[in-house]
N, C-alpha and C. Protein backbone atom coordinates (compact mmCIF):
# COMPACT_ATOMS: atom_id res chain seq x y z
N VAL A 1 0.87 -0.99 0.11
CA VAL A 1 -0.10 -0.15 0.00
C VAL A 1 0.83 1.26 -0.04
N SER A 2 0.60 2.00 -0.89
CA SER A 2 1.46 3.33 -1.25
C SER A 2 0.90 4.38 -0.03
N PRO A 3 1.71 5.24 0.33
CA PRO A 3 1.31 6.15 1.26
C PRO A 3 0.40 7.30 0.58
N ALA A 4 -0.50 7.77 1.27
CA ALA A 4 -1.46 8.82 0.57
C ALA A 4 -0.71 10.01 0.09
N PRO A 5 -0.99 10.62 -0.99
CA PRO A 5 -0.26 11.82 -1.34
C PRO A 5 -0.58 12.88 -0.41
N ARG A 6 0.52 13.79 -0.38
CA ARG A 6 0.50 14.75 0.52
C ARG A 6 -0.61 15.86 -0.01
N PRO A 7 -1.19 16.60 0.83
CA PRO A 7 -2.02 17.60 0.25
C PRO A 7 -1.34 18.82 -0.18
N TYR A 8 -2.06 19.28 -1.24
CA TYR A 8 -1.42 20.55 -1.85
C TYR A 8 -1.50 21.68 -1.00
N LYS A 9 -0.35 22.39 -0.58
CA LYS A 9 -0.06 23.46 -0.07
C LYS A 9 0.59 24.56 -0.90
N ILE A 10 -0.12 25.69 -0.85
CA ILE A 10 0.45 26.68 -1.70
C ILE A 10 1.76 27.14 -1.24
N GLU A 11 1.92 27.21 -0.04
CA GLU A 11 3.20 27.51 0.82
C GLU A 11 4.33 26.67 0.30
N GLU A 12 4.16 25.45 -0.10
CA GLU A 12 5.31 24.81 -0.56
C GLU A 12 5.55 24.51 -2.16
N GLN A 13 4.84 25.37 -2.93
CA GLN A 13 5.07 25.47 -4.31
C GLN A 13 6.15 26.39 -4.86
N VAL A 14 6.93 26.00 -5.78
CA VAL A 14 7.92 26.70 -6.15
C VAL A 14 7.63 28.34 -6.56
N GLY A 15 6.54 28.40 -7.21
CA GLY A 15 6.21 29.68 -7.54
C GLY A 15 5.97 30.59 -6.47
N TYR A 16 5.51 30.17 -5.37
CA TYR A 16 5.19 30.79 -4.21
C TYR A 16 6.33 31.33 -3.49
N LEU A 17 7.08 30.27 -3.44
CA LEU A 17 8.30 30.42 -2.83
C LEU A 17 9.36 31.41 -3.48
N LEU A 18 9.35 31.22 -4.79
CA LEU A 18 10.13 32.19 -5.55
C LEU A 18 9.61 33.57 -5.55
N ARG A 19 8.28 33.70 -5.46
CA ARG A 19 7.85 35.11 -5.37
C ARG A 19 8.05 35.71 -3.82
N ARG A 20 8.05 34.94 -2.99
CA ARG A 20 8.32 35.51 -1.53
C ARG A 20 9.81 35.85 -1.66
N ALA A 21 10.72 34.92 -2.08
CA ALA A 21 12.14 35.32 -2.19
C ALA A 21 12.23 36.75 -2.92
N HIS A 22 11.63 36.61 -3.94
CA HIS A 22 11.82 37.86 -5.01
C HIS A 22 11.17 39.06 -4.10
N GLN A 23 10.10 39.07 -3.42
CA GLN A 23 9.67 40.11 -2.68
C GLN A 23 10.89 40.70 -1.50
N ARG A 24 11.36 39.62 -1.05
CA ARG A 24 12.44 39.91 0.04
C ARG A 24 13.60 40.64 -0.69
N ALA A 25 14.05 40.10 -1.66
CA ALA A 25 15.29 40.64 -2.38
C ALA A 25 15.02 42.03 -2.92
N SER A 26 13.72 42.20 -3.53
CA SER A 26 13.24 43.60 -3.96
C SER A 26 13.34 44.49 -2.94
N ALA A 27 12.78 44.23 -1.50
CA ALA A 27 12.84 45.09 -0.45
C ALA A 27 14.27 45.60 0.23
N ILE A 28 15.17 44.34 0.14
CA ILE A 28 16.54 44.68 0.37
C ILE A 28 17.10 45.42 -0.67
N PHE A 29 17.01 45.15 -1.82
CA PHE A 29 17.32 46.04 -2.98
C PHE A 29 16.97 47.63 -2.88
N GLN A 30 15.58 47.86 -2.56
CA GLN A 30 15.37 49.23 -2.37
C GLN A 30 16.05 49.94 -1.09
N VAL A 31 16.16 49.20 -0.03
CA VAL A 31 16.81 49.92 1.22
C VAL A 31 18.31 50.16 1.10
N THR A 32 18.87 49.20 0.24
CA THR A 32 20.42 48.97 0.22
C THR A 32 20.94 49.66 -0.85
N ILE A 33 20.42 49.78 -2.10
CA ILE A 33 21.17 50.35 -3.38
C ILE A 33 21.53 51.68 -3.46
N GLY A 34 20.95 52.36 -2.83
CA GLY A 34 21.26 53.80 -2.69
C GLY A 34 20.52 54.96 -3.38
N ASP A 35 19.58 54.32 -4.07
CA ASP A 35 18.74 55.34 -4.84
C ASP A 35 17.14 54.66 -4.81
N PRO A 36 16.39 55.34 -3.99
CA PRO A 36 14.96 54.77 -4.01
C PRO A 36 14.23 54.81 -5.15
N ASN A 37 14.66 55.60 -6.18
CA ASN A 37 13.79 55.58 -7.31
C ASN A 37 14.38 54.75 -8.40
N ILE A 38 15.35 53.83 -8.13
CA ILE A 38 15.64 52.94 -9.29
C ILE A 38 15.29 51.71 -8.87
N THR A 39 14.65 50.97 -9.73
CA THR A 39 14.09 49.51 -9.66
C THR A 39 15.13 48.64 -10.09
N PRO A 40 14.98 47.27 -9.54
CA PRO A 40 16.03 46.47 -10.10
C PRO A 40 16.17 46.19 -11.58
N THR A 41 15.20 46.35 -12.30
CA THR A 41 15.16 46.15 -13.71
C THR A 41 15.89 47.57 -14.32
N GLN A 42 15.72 48.61 -13.75
CA GLN A 42 16.54 49.81 -14.23
C GLN A 42 17.79 49.57 -13.81
N TYR A 43 18.26 49.01 -12.68
CA TYR A 43 19.59 48.80 -12.25
C TYR A 43 20.26 47.87 -13.12
N SER A 44 19.62 46.62 -13.64
CA SER A 44 20.22 45.69 -14.33
C SER A 44 20.58 46.32 -15.70
N SER A 45 19.51 47.26 -16.18
CA SER A 45 19.60 47.87 -17.47
C SER A 45 21.16 48.77 -17.37
N MET A 46 21.02 49.76 -16.55
CA MET A 46 22.07 50.52 -16.14
C MET A 46 23.50 49.76 -16.19
N ALA A 47 23.40 48.90 -15.34
CA ALA A 47 24.65 48.05 -15.03
C ALA A 47 25.17 47.45 -16.61
N LYS A 48 24.21 46.79 -17.30
CA LYS A 48 24.60 46.46 -18.75
C LYS A 48 25.09 47.45 -19.65
N LEU A 49 24.53 48.62 -19.62
CA LEU A 49 25.01 49.70 -20.45
C LEU A 49 26.29 50.08 -19.94
N ASN A 50 26.73 50.05 -18.67
CA ASN A 50 27.92 50.54 -18.20
C ASN A 50 28.85 49.41 -18.69
N GLU A 51 28.55 48.34 -18.70
CA GLU A 51 29.39 47.19 -19.20
C GLU A 51 29.82 47.20 -20.90
N TYR A 52 28.88 47.39 -21.37
CA TYR A 52 28.99 47.41 -22.91
C TYR A 52 29.10 48.72 -23.53
N ARG A 53 28.97 49.79 -22.92
CA ARG A 53 28.97 51.17 -23.32
C ARG A 53 27.75 51.65 -24.25
N GLU A 54 27.37 50.82 -25.24
CA GLU A 54 26.22 51.10 -26.04
C GLU A 54 25.68 49.97 -26.66
N LEU A 55 24.24 49.79 -26.60
CA LEU A 55 23.40 48.50 -27.02
C LEU A 55 22.40 49.09 -27.72
N SER A 56 21.93 48.27 -28.56
CA SER A 56 20.60 48.47 -28.97
C SER A 56 19.57 48.06 -28.03
N GLN A 57 18.45 48.70 -28.15
CA GLN A 57 17.47 48.20 -26.88
C GLN A 57 16.99 46.76 -26.95
N ASN A 58 16.94 46.10 -28.20
CA ASN A 58 16.63 44.74 -28.18
C ASN A 58 17.52 43.97 -27.54
N HIS A 59 18.82 44.19 -27.97
CA HIS A 59 20.12 43.46 -27.21
C HIS A 59 20.25 43.66 -25.96
N LEU A 60 19.89 44.86 -25.21
CA LEU A 60 19.76 45.16 -23.81
C LEU A 60 18.84 44.26 -23.16
N GLY A 61 17.55 44.26 -24.08
CA GLY A 61 16.55 43.38 -23.41
C GLY A 61 16.88 41.88 -23.23
N ARG A 62 17.56 41.39 -24.35
CA ARG A 62 18.02 40.05 -24.24
C ARG A 62 18.88 39.87 -22.99
N LEU A 63 19.86 40.74 -22.91
CA LEU A 63 21.07 40.58 -21.81
C LEU A 63 20.44 40.48 -20.37
N VAL A 64 19.38 41.37 -20.26
CA VAL A 64 18.74 41.38 -18.93
C VAL A 64 17.48 40.67 -18.67
N GLY A 65 17.23 39.89 -19.62
CA GLY A 65 16.03 39.01 -19.62
C GLY A 65 14.70 39.68 -19.54
N MET A 66 14.58 40.69 -20.55
CA MET A 66 13.33 41.42 -20.49
C MET A 66 12.46 41.52 -21.65
N ASP A 67 11.15 41.26 -21.98
CA ASP A 67 10.52 41.20 -23.19
C ASP A 67 10.43 42.75 -23.70
N LYS A 68 10.03 42.79 -24.90
CA LYS A 68 10.12 44.05 -25.77
C LYS A 68 9.27 45.35 -24.89
N ALA A 69 7.95 44.79 -24.50
CA ALA A 69 7.26 45.95 -23.79
C ALA A 69 7.86 46.42 -22.48
N THR A 70 8.35 45.49 -21.61
CA THR A 70 8.94 45.80 -20.14
C THR A 70 10.22 46.90 -20.68
N MET A 71 11.02 46.41 -21.56
CA MET A 71 12.22 46.94 -21.64
C MET A 71 11.98 48.53 -22.44
N GLN A 72 10.81 48.84 -23.14
CA GLN A 72 10.32 49.96 -23.57
C GLN A 72 10.26 50.80 -22.42
N GLY A 73 9.31 50.35 -21.44
CA GLY A 73 8.99 51.25 -20.49
C GLY A 73 10.06 51.58 -19.44
N VAL A 74 11.16 50.58 -19.17
CA VAL A 74 12.33 50.77 -18.38
C VAL A 74 13.18 51.78 -19.23
N VAL A 75 13.55 51.67 -20.50
CA VAL A 75 14.19 52.81 -21.20
C VAL A 75 13.49 54.14 -20.93
N ARG A 76 12.28 54.28 -21.23
CA ARG A 76 11.48 55.49 -21.24
C ARG A 76 11.81 56.27 -19.77
N ARG A 77 11.62 55.32 -18.75
CA ARG A 77 11.69 56.05 -17.48
C ARG A 77 13.19 56.53 -17.28
N LEU A 78 14.15 55.75 -17.76
CA LEU A 78 15.70 55.98 -17.66
C LEU A 78 15.92 57.25 -18.37
N LYS A 79 15.21 57.35 -19.69
CA LYS A 79 15.57 58.72 -20.33
C LYS A 79 14.90 59.71 -19.64
N ASP A 80 13.66 59.68 -19.29
CA ASP A 80 12.85 60.70 -18.58
C ASP A 80 13.57 61.28 -17.39
N ARG A 81 14.62 60.30 -16.74
CA ARG A 81 15.19 60.80 -15.52
C ARG A 81 16.82 61.43 -16.09
N GLY A 82 16.83 61.42 -17.45
CA GLY A 82 18.08 61.80 -17.80
C GLY A 82 19.44 60.80 -17.35
N LEU A 83 19.15 59.68 -17.53
CA LEU A 83 20.20 58.48 -17.21
C LEU A 83 20.56 57.99 -18.42
N VAL A 84 19.73 57.81 -19.49
CA VAL A 84 20.04 57.17 -20.54
C VAL A 84 19.86 58.03 -21.76
N ASP A 85 20.48 57.89 -22.84
CA ASP A 85 20.38 58.40 -24.06
C ASP A 85 20.15 57.64 -25.14
N SER A 86 19.47 58.05 -26.18
CA SER A 86 19.28 56.90 -27.22
C SER A 86 19.65 57.95 -28.66
N ARG A 87 20.09 57.10 -29.70
CA ARG A 87 20.29 57.79 -30.98
C ARG A 87 20.12 56.70 -31.95
N PRO A 88 19.52 57.06 -33.17
CA PRO A 88 19.41 56.05 -34.24
C PRO A 88 20.67 55.44 -34.65
N ASP A 89 20.77 54.09 -34.81
CA ASP A 89 21.96 53.18 -35.49
C ASP A 89 22.42 53.50 -36.57
N PRO A 90 23.38 54.29 -36.95
CA PRO A 90 23.71 54.87 -38.47
C PRO A 90 23.84 53.47 -39.17
N GLY A 91 24.11 52.23 -38.80
CA GLY A 91 24.09 51.23 -39.70
C GLY A 91 22.83 50.50 -40.09
N ASP A 92 21.76 50.83 -39.25
CA ASP A 92 20.48 50.39 -39.29
C ASP A 92 19.37 51.15 -38.79
N ALA A 93 18.77 51.84 -39.54
CA ALA A 93 17.89 52.97 -39.14
C ALA A 93 16.59 52.25 -38.16
N ARG A 94 16.42 51.14 -38.26
CA ARG A 94 15.29 50.52 -37.52
C ARG A 94 15.74 50.35 -36.02
N ARG A 95 17.15 50.48 -35.81
CA ARG A 95 17.47 50.13 -34.54
C ARG A 95 17.87 51.39 -33.66
N THR A 96 17.54 51.48 -32.43
CA THR A 96 17.82 52.62 -31.51
C THR A 96 19.05 52.13 -30.75
N LEU A 97 20.11 52.86 -30.56
CA LEU A 97 21.24 52.60 -29.65
C LEU A 97 21.00 53.45 -28.29
N LEU A 98 21.27 52.61 -27.23
CA LEU A 98 21.48 53.28 -25.90
C LEU A 98 22.64 53.34 -25.29
N SER A 99 22.83 54.50 -24.44
CA SER A 99 23.91 54.62 -24.03
C SER A 99 23.53 55.28 -22.50
N LEU A 100 24.40 55.32 -21.53
CA LEU A 100 24.33 56.11 -20.27
C LEU A 100 24.74 57.67 -20.46
N THR A 101 23.87 58.54 -19.86
CA THR A 101 24.32 59.89 -20.08
C THR A 101 25.51 60.34 -19.07
N THR A 102 26.00 61.21 -18.90
CA THR A 102 27.05 61.46 -17.89
C THR A 102 26.40 61.20 -16.47
N GLU A 103 25.28 61.90 -16.35
CA GLU A 103 24.47 61.73 -15.05
C GLU A 103 24.40 60.01 -14.88
N GLY A 104 23.94 59.48 -15.88
CA GLY A 104 23.58 58.08 -15.76
C GLY A 104 24.69 57.26 -15.43
N GLN A 105 26.12 57.67 -15.84
CA GLN A 105 27.28 56.97 -15.58
C GLN A 105 27.74 57.30 -13.96
N ARG A 106 27.49 58.54 -13.70
CA ARG A 106 27.83 58.99 -12.06
C ARG A 106 26.65 58.28 -11.24
N SER A 107 25.42 58.00 -11.57
CA SER A 107 24.58 57.20 -11.04
C SER A 107 24.93 55.77 -10.78
N VAL A 108 25.20 55.15 -11.96
CA VAL A 108 25.52 53.70 -11.90
C VAL A 108 26.67 53.36 -11.22
N ASN A 109 27.79 54.15 -11.30
CA ASN A 109 28.81 54.12 -10.33
C ASN A 109 28.63 54.04 -9.01
N LYS A 110 27.67 54.84 -8.40
CA LYS A 110 27.18 54.88 -7.00
C LYS A 110 26.53 53.40 -6.81
N LEU A 111 25.84 53.11 -7.77
CA LEU A 111 24.65 52.09 -7.42
C LEU A 111 25.59 50.67 -7.41
N LEU A 112 26.48 50.55 -8.42
CA LEU A 112 27.63 49.35 -8.54
C LEU A 112 28.22 49.16 -7.28
N MET A 113 28.60 50.07 -6.55
CA MET A 113 29.15 50.07 -5.32
C MET A 113 28.43 49.48 -4.21
N ASN A 114 27.06 49.50 -4.37
CA ASN A 114 26.14 49.02 -3.31
C ASN A 114 25.67 47.64 -3.79
N GLY A 115 25.77 47.16 -4.97
CA GLY A 115 25.19 46.08 -5.58
C GLY A 115 25.73 44.83 -4.72
N PRO A 116 26.97 44.63 -4.37
CA PRO A 116 27.51 43.48 -3.65
C PRO A 116 26.83 43.25 -2.22
N ALA A 117 26.52 44.40 -1.62
CA ALA A 117 25.89 44.41 -0.17
C ALA A 117 24.21 44.11 -0.39
N VAL A 118 23.78 44.41 -1.43
CA VAL A 118 22.46 43.82 -1.79
C VAL A 118 22.44 42.42 -1.67
N SER A 119 23.51 41.71 -2.39
CA SER A 119 23.38 40.34 -2.36
C SER A 119 23.81 39.78 -1.14
N ARG A 120 24.78 40.31 -0.68
CA ARG A 120 25.09 39.93 0.98
C ARG A 120 24.08 39.78 1.72
N GLU A 121 23.07 40.63 1.96
CA GLU A 121 22.07 40.96 2.93
C GLU A 121 21.00 40.12 2.22
N THR A 122 20.77 39.77 1.01
CA THR A 122 19.77 38.98 0.64
C THR A 122 19.97 37.35 0.99
N LEU A 123 21.29 37.10 0.87
CA LEU A 123 21.70 35.67 1.18
C LEU A 123 22.23 35.44 2.52
N LYS A 124 22.08 36.40 3.23
CA LYS A 124 22.60 36.15 4.80
C LYS A 124 22.02 35.21 5.54
N PRO A 125 20.81 34.80 5.47
CA PRO A 125 20.34 33.52 6.21
C PRO A 125 20.93 32.40 5.79
N LEU A 126 21.83 32.39 4.60
CA LEU A 126 22.12 31.06 4.25
C LEU A 126 23.67 30.91 4.59
N SER A 127 24.11 29.72 4.64
CA SER A 127 25.61 29.29 4.83
C SER A 127 26.29 29.59 3.42
N ALA A 128 27.60 29.75 3.47
CA ALA A 128 28.30 29.91 2.34
C ALA A 128 28.08 28.69 1.25
N GLU A 129 27.89 27.56 1.76
CA GLU A 129 27.59 26.45 0.60
C GLU A 129 26.18 26.67 0.16
N GLU A 130 25.50 27.02 1.14
CA GLU A 130 23.93 27.17 0.81
C GLU A 130 23.82 28.18 -0.39
N GLN A 131 24.47 29.40 -0.21
CA GLN A 131 24.54 30.57 -1.23
C GLN A 131 25.00 29.90 -2.45
N ARG A 132 26.12 29.36 -2.43
CA ARG A 132 26.71 28.85 -3.78
C ARG A 132 25.85 28.06 -4.63
N ARG A 133 25.09 27.11 -3.60
CA ARG A 133 24.39 26.15 -4.29
C ARG A 133 22.91 26.72 -4.82
N LEU A 134 22.47 27.73 -4.04
CA LEU A 134 21.26 28.53 -4.50
C LEU A 134 21.49 29.20 -5.76
N LEU A 135 22.62 29.99 -5.88
CA LEU A 135 23.02 30.61 -7.03
C LEU A 135 23.14 29.69 -8.20
N GLU A 136 23.61 28.50 -7.97
CA GLU A 136 23.90 27.66 -9.14
C GLU A 136 22.63 27.12 -9.71
N LEU A 137 21.47 26.89 -8.78
CA LEU A 137 20.15 26.20 -8.96
C LEU A 137 19.42 27.40 -9.67
N LEU A 138 19.52 28.62 -9.15
CA LEU A 138 18.71 29.53 -9.89
C LEU A 138 19.33 30.03 -11.40
N ALA A 139 20.73 29.93 -11.60
CA ALA A 139 21.11 30.00 -12.87
C ALA A 139 20.72 28.98 -13.66
N LYS A 140 20.62 27.66 -13.18
CA LYS A 140 20.09 26.69 -14.06
C LYS A 140 18.54 26.58 -14.40
N LEU A 141 17.89 27.28 -13.54
CA LEU A 141 16.45 27.48 -13.94
C LEU A 141 16.19 28.59 -14.80
N SER A 142 17.13 29.58 -14.87
CA SER A 142 16.90 30.82 -15.72
C SER A 142 17.83 30.72 -16.88
């Protein structure tokens, strides 16, 4: 006789647990990153623009894992704040190239200094081995 299946509990489901972990990570990000007006998606976009210097909007979206509509909103908000500039791609008029403005560069330099603290605080409840394993598993899922 096989044991009865365990009852379904939402609190034990992967989506629920990932959402709760994401809420915690986002709250820590907002308190720690150093600019309450920057979202994690904006930060990721600025960090990639800092790394690559200039990217098409589509390429940036792929690098940070955002769909076209989300990326458009992120870029619009960053442009409205004067952190990102855009120009037509001289090699392909259909594409827009994005880069950080001087203010965007100044801002991302400060934010990047706080990035490691966000990760440290988020992972604080875990041992070093658990942290390594969690990051490995999340990378595998994404």
